[in-house]
Protein backbone atom coordinates (compact mmCIF):
# COMPACT_ATOMS: atom_id res chain seq x y z
CA MET A 1 -12.03 12.91 3.96
CA GLN A 2 -8.27 13.37 3.80
CA THR A 3 -7.63 11.14 6.82
CA LEU A 4 -9.88 8.40 5.43
CA LYS A 5 -8.09 8.58 2.07
CA GLN A 6 -4.70 8.36 3.78
CA PHE A 7 -5.86 5.35 5.83
CA ILE A 8 -7.09 3.57 2.69
CA GLN A 9 -3.82 4.28 0.86
CA ASP A 10 -1.81 2.90 3.79
CA ASN A 11 -4.11 -0.12 3.99
CA ASN A 12 -3.77 -0.71 0.23
CA ARG A 13 0.02 -0.92 0.59
CA TRP A 14 -0.43 -3.53 3.32
CA ILE A 15 -3.00 -5.69 1.52
CA ALA A 16 -0.92 -5.61 -1.67
CA LEU A 17 1.58 -7.82 0.15
CA PHE A 18 -1.11 -10.50 0.24
CA GLY A 19 -2.12 -10.08 -3.41
CA LYS A 20 -5.42 -8.35 -2.66
CA ALA A 21 -6.80 -5.68 -4.95
CA ASP A 22 -6.65 -2.04 -3.90
CA MET A 23 -9.69 -0.48 -2.30
CA THR A 24 -10.84 2.49 -4.39
CA PHE A 25 -13.52 5.13 -4.33
CA PRO A 26 -16.47 4.96 -4.56
CA LEU A 27 -16.58 2.59 -1.61
CA THR A 28 -19.11 -0.21 -1.50
CA GLN A 29 -20.88 -1.46 1.62
CA ALA A 30 -18.46 -4.39 1.64
CA ASP A 31 -15.53 -1.93 1.58
CA VAL A 32 -17.05 0.01 4.47
CA ASP A 33 -17.54 -3.17 6.49
CA ASP A 34 -13.98 -4.29 5.75
CA LEU A 35 -12.63 -0.91 6.85
CA ALA A 36 -14.61 -1.19 10.10
CA ARG A 37 -13.06 -4.61 10.80
CA THR A 38 -9.62 -3.19 10.07
CA LEU A 39 -10.24 -0.27 12.41
CA ASP A 40 -11.42 -2.63 15.15
CA GLY A 41 -8.22 -4.63 14.79
CA LYS A 42 -6.00 -1.56 14.89
CA LEU A 43 -7.88 -0.22 17.92
CA SER A 44 -7.46 -3.37 20.00
CA PRO A 45 -5.34 -2.56 23.06
CA GLU A 46 -2.47 -4.82 21.96
CA ASN A 47 -2.26 -3.23 18.53
CA LEU A 48 -2.98 0.32 19.63
CA HIS A 49 -0.16 0.22 22.18
CA CYS A 50 2.13 -1.97 20.04
CA ASP A 51 2.31 -4.46 22.92
CA GLY A 52 3.63 -1.73 25.20
CA GLU A 53 6.43 -0.69 22.85
CA ILE A 54 5.22 2.89 22.32
CA SER A 55 4.55 5.76 24.68
CA ARG A 56 1.10 6.67 25.94
CA ALA A 57 1.30 9.89 23.91
CA GLU A 58 1.99 7.95 20.71
CA ALA A 59 -0.87 5.54 21.45
CA ASN A 60 -3.17 8.52 22.01
CA ARG A 61 -2.07 10.01 18.69
CA LYS A 62 -2.85 6.72 16.93
CA TYR A 63 -6.24 6.57 18.66
CA ARG A 64 -7.15 10.10 17.54
CA PHE A 65 -6.09 9.30 13.96
CA LEU A 66 -8.18 6.12 13.87
CA ALA A 67 -11.16 7.85 15.51
CA THR A 68 -10.95 10.53 12.79
CA VAL A 69 -10.88 7.82 10.13
CA TYR A 70 -14.05 6.34 11.62
CA ARG A 71 -15.79 9.72 11.80
CA GLU A 72 -14.92 10.46 8.17
CA LEU A 73 -16.05 6.96 7.15
CA CYS A 74 -19.42 7.58 8.83
CA GLU A 75 -19.70 10.94 7.05
CA TYR A 76 -18.94 9.21 3.75
CA CYS A 77 -21.62 6.60 4.47
CA ASP A 78 -24.15 9.34 5.20
CA MET A 79 -23.31 11.13 1.94
CA LYS A 80 -23.49 7.95 -0.15
CA GLY A 81 -26.50 6.30 1.51
CA LEU A 82 -24.48 3.43 2.98
CA LYS A 83 -25.03 1.84 6.37
CA GLU A 84 -22.67 3.19 9.01
CA PRO A 85 -20.42 0.45 10.34
CA THR A 86 -20.01 -0.48 13.97
CA VAL A 87 -16.51 -0.24 15.41
CA TYR A 88 -16.59 -1.86 18.81
CA GLU A 89 -13.27 -0.51 20.09
CA LEU A 90 -14.40 3.15 19.91
């Protein structure tokens, strides 16, 4: 769950810029769905490759990190009885 926690902390810093409340544990179904949408956005080819500004190796590293976040999110959902989200870009 460490990667999921890190992702949520990083996301909390970003959403704070827009005045949104931090996401905290325990996660709700709405939190899980929001995280899935965020993952989908980050996994889009333009965002994953930073519009071609990063190397293929760096894009692959980002992909593996985000895929781990998704796997840990699904594990969390299984443990807490929440519905696993769909991430279309995986």
